């Protein structure tokens, strides 16, 4: 399997045989009828601070 690491073009992902998972239906089911709190871990996506 080819993973689309750092590829920004959706067309390239679809036409060049990269792995693509469409979760649109799952998101729709998630928001129907319930309230969810989607938290992220502390410092998610932050770089370590230099001293």
Protein backbone atom coordinates (compact mmCIF):
# COMPACT_ATOMS: atom_id res chain seq x y z
CA UNK A 1 0.00 0.00 0.00
CA UNK A 2 1.14 3.51 -0.79
CA UNK A 3 0.45 6.15 1.87
CA UNK A 4 0.03 9.78 0.80
CA UNK A 5 2.68 11.29 3.08
CA UNK A 6 2.89 15.06 2.51
CA UNK A 7 0.85 14.93 -0.72
CA UNK A 8 -1.54 17.89 -0.90
CA UNK A 9 -3.35 17.09 -4.14
CA UNK A 10 -6.53 15.06 -3.75
CA UNK A 11 -6.42 14.26 -7.46
CA UNK A 12 -2.91 12.78 -7.09
CA UNK A 13 -3.99 10.67 -4.11
CA UNK A 14 -6.94 9.24 -6.05
CA UNK A 15 -5.25 8.71 -9.44
CA UNK A 16 -1.83 7.42 -8.34
CA UNK A 17 -3.08 4.52 -6.21
CA UNK A 18 -2.54 5.94 -2.72
CA UNK A 19 -4.58 4.74 0.26
CA UNK A 20 -7.67 6.91 0.83
CA UNK A 21 -10.38 6.24 3.43
CA UNK A 22 -13.60 8.24 3.18
CA UNK A 23 -15.13 8.62 6.67
CA UNK A 24 -17.83 11.10 5.68
CA UNK A 25 -20.63 8.66 6.54
CA UNK A 26 -19.16 7.99 9.99
CA UNK A 27 -19.00 11.71 10.78
CA UNK A 28 -22.63 12.11 9.71
CA UNK A 29 -23.70 9.27 12.03
CA UNK A 30 -21.65 10.74 14.89
CA UNK A 31 -23.44 14.10 14.84
CA UNK A 32 -26.98 12.75 14.49
CA UNK A 33 -28.96 12.97 17.73
CA UNK A 34 -26.18 13.08 20.33
CA UNK A 35 -23.77 15.60 21.76
CA UNK A 36 -20.13 14.58 21.88
CA UNK A 37 -17.12 16.28 23.41
CA UNK A 38 -14.10 15.57 21.22
CA UNK A 39 -11.03 16.42 23.26
CA UNK A 40 -7.42 16.34 22.16
CA UNK A 41 -4.39 15.39 24.24
CA UNK A 42 -2.53 18.18 26.01
CA UNK A 43 0.01 19.94 23.79
CA UNK A 44 -1.27 18.05 20.75
CA UNK A 45 0.55 19.31 17.69
CA UNK A 46 2.89 21.61 19.63
CA UNK A 47 6.63 21.43 19.31
CA UNK A 48 8.70 20.98 22.47
CA UNK A 49 9.73 24.34 23.89
CA UNK A 50 13.40 25.12 23.81
CA UNK A 51 15.10 26.41 26.96
